[in-house]
Protein backbone atom coordinates (compact mmCIF):
# COMPACT_ATOMS: atom_id res chain seq x y z
CA MET A 1 -52.88 22.89 -66.00
CA LYS A 2 -52.88 19.68 -67.97
CA THR A 3 -51.18 19.25 -71.31
CA LYS A 4 -51.36 16.56 -73.94
CA THR A 5 -48.42 15.31 -75.88
CA LYS A 6 -48.86 15.00 -79.62
CA GLU A 7 -47.24 11.58 -79.65
CA SER A 8 -49.59 9.79 -77.31
CA GLN A 9 -52.45 12.20 -76.56
CA THR A 10 -51.90 11.25 -72.90
CA GLU A 11 -52.70 13.85 -70.29
CA ILE A 12 -49.55 15.02 -68.56
CA LYS A 13 -50.22 16.42 -65.12
CA LYS A 14 -48.12 18.87 -63.17
CA PHE A 15 -46.13 17.49 -60.25
CA SER A 16 -48.18 19.63 -57.85
CA GLU A 17 -51.29 17.77 -59.00
CA VAL A 18 -49.86 14.32 -58.39
CA ALA A 19 -47.52 14.87 -55.44
CA LYS A 20 -48.78 13.22 -52.31
CA ILE A 21 -47.83 15.44 -49.40
CA GLU A 22 -48.77 14.02 -46.04
CA PRO A 23 -49.48 16.81 -43.60
CA ILE A 24 -47.75 16.34 -40.28
CA TYR A 25 -50.34 18.49 -38.50
CA GLU A 26 -53.80 17.51 -39.68
CA GLY A 27 -56.16 20.45 -39.98
CA ALA A 28 -53.44 23.12 -40.07
CA GLN A 29 -52.98 25.14 -43.26
CA TYR A 30 -49.52 24.39 -44.65
CA ILE A 31 -47.69 27.58 -45.69
CA THR A 32 -44.98 27.17 -48.33
CA ASP A 33 -44.17 30.85 -48.83
CA LYS A 34 -42.60 32.20 -45.65
CA GLU A 35 -42.96 35.73 -47.02
CA GLN A 36 -46.57 35.41 -45.84
CA LEU A 37 -45.27 34.95 -42.29
CA LYS A 38 -42.51 37.57 -42.28
CA GLU A 39 -42.95 40.29 -39.65
CA LYS A 40 -45.93 38.44 -38.18
CA THR A 41 -46.33 37.39 -34.57
CA LEU A 42 -46.90 33.65 -34.33
CA VAL A 43 -47.76 31.40 -31.41
CA PHE A 44 -45.40 28.44 -31.69
CA ARG A 45 -47.16 25.33 -30.32
CA GLU A 46 -44.89 22.44 -31.28
CA PHE A 47 -42.54 21.21 -33.97
CA THR A 48 -41.20 18.01 -35.44
CA GLU A 49 -37.52 17.64 -36.30
CA GLN A 50 -36.89 16.50 -39.87
CA GLU A 51 -33.82 15.57 -41.91
CA GLY A 52 -33.59 16.79 -45.50
CA SER A 53 -31.07 17.06 -48.30
CA ASN A 54 -29.93 20.44 -46.91
CA GLY A 55 -29.69 19.30 -43.29
CA ARG A 56 -32.00 19.41 -40.30
CA TYR A 57 -35.15 21.51 -40.20
CA ALA A 58 -38.41 21.79 -38.27
CA THR A 59 -41.98 21.39 -39.36
CA VAL A 60 -43.82 23.77 -37.07
CA LEU A 61 -47.36 23.91 -35.76
CA ALA A 62 -48.22 27.52 -34.97
CA GLU A 63 -51.12 29.94 -34.79
CA LEU A 64 -51.53 33.09 -36.83
CA ASP A 65 -54.53 35.31 -36.13
CA GLY A 66 -56.21 32.44 -34.27
CA LYS A 67 -55.81 29.94 -37.15
CA GLN A 68 -53.62 26.85 -37.05
CA ILE A 69 -50.83 26.88 -39.61
CA SER A 70 -47.85 24.71 -40.35
CA PHE A 71 -44.60 25.43 -42.15
CA SER A 72 -41.06 24.12 -42.45
CA ILE A 73 -37.98 26.11 -41.52
CA GLY A 74 -34.31 25.49 -40.85
CA GLY A 75 -31.23 27.52 -40.03
CA VAL A 76 -31.33 30.01 -37.17
CA VAL A 77 -35.04 29.48 -36.41
CA PHE A 78 -34.50 25.72 -36.20
CA ASP A 79 -31.68 26.28 -33.71
CA GLN A 80 -33.84 28.69 -31.68
CA LEU A 81 -36.67 26.16 -31.56
CA ILE A 82 -34.34 23.36 -30.41
CA LYS A 83 -32.87 25.56 -27.66
CA ASN A 84 -36.32 26.61 -26.43
CA LYS A 85 -38.27 23.38 -26.95
CA GLU A 86 -39.07 23.04 -23.24
CA ARG A 87 -40.54 26.56 -23.19
CA LEU A 88 -43.23 25.88 -25.83
CA PRO A 89 -45.79 27.28 -26.42
CA PHE A 90 -44.48 30.82 -26.89
CA GLU A 91 -45.16 33.87 -29.02
CA ALA A 92 -42.49 35.26 -31.37
CA LEU A 93 -42.11 37.62 -34.28
CA LEU A 94 -40.65 35.98 -37.40
CA THR A 95 -38.23 38.49 -38.91
CA GLU A 96 -35.75 38.50 -41.75
CA VAL A 97 -32.28 39.81 -40.96
CA LYS A 98 -29.27 40.54 -43.15
CA SER A 99 -25.99 39.00 -41.97
CA LYS A 100 -22.65 40.81 -42.11
CA ASP A 101 -21.87 39.09 -45.40
CA GLY A 102 -25.19 40.24 -46.90
CA LYS A 103 -27.13 36.97 -46.72
CA LEU A 104 -30.73 37.06 -45.50
CA TYR A 105 -31.99 34.67 -42.84
CA TYR A 106 -35.05 34.29 -40.62
CA THR A 107 -34.92 34.64 -36.84
CA LEU A 108 -37.38 34.81 -33.96
CA GLN A 109 -37.74 37.87 -31.77
């Protein structure tokens, strides 16, 4: 969606239209909504460690239904990936779990 300001009649583009996102894994579909992956069995192929404003996270290359996908994830899944890096590739179910204090987080099973 493009809008024009009355003052200048200049087209103002949405950030998503101008943002240059360099895919880490060329050819893999990048998934931003992890809800699409919840309760799905994925084949984890590899990952790249990243540093962000909220700490460390992984950008993952995986397979879902025979298609290459990529997504970013931190927290418990990041820790699980680090601990099992030498065992890649492996298959795991991405699940959402509620902690004792009621917070939701993703984990691999």
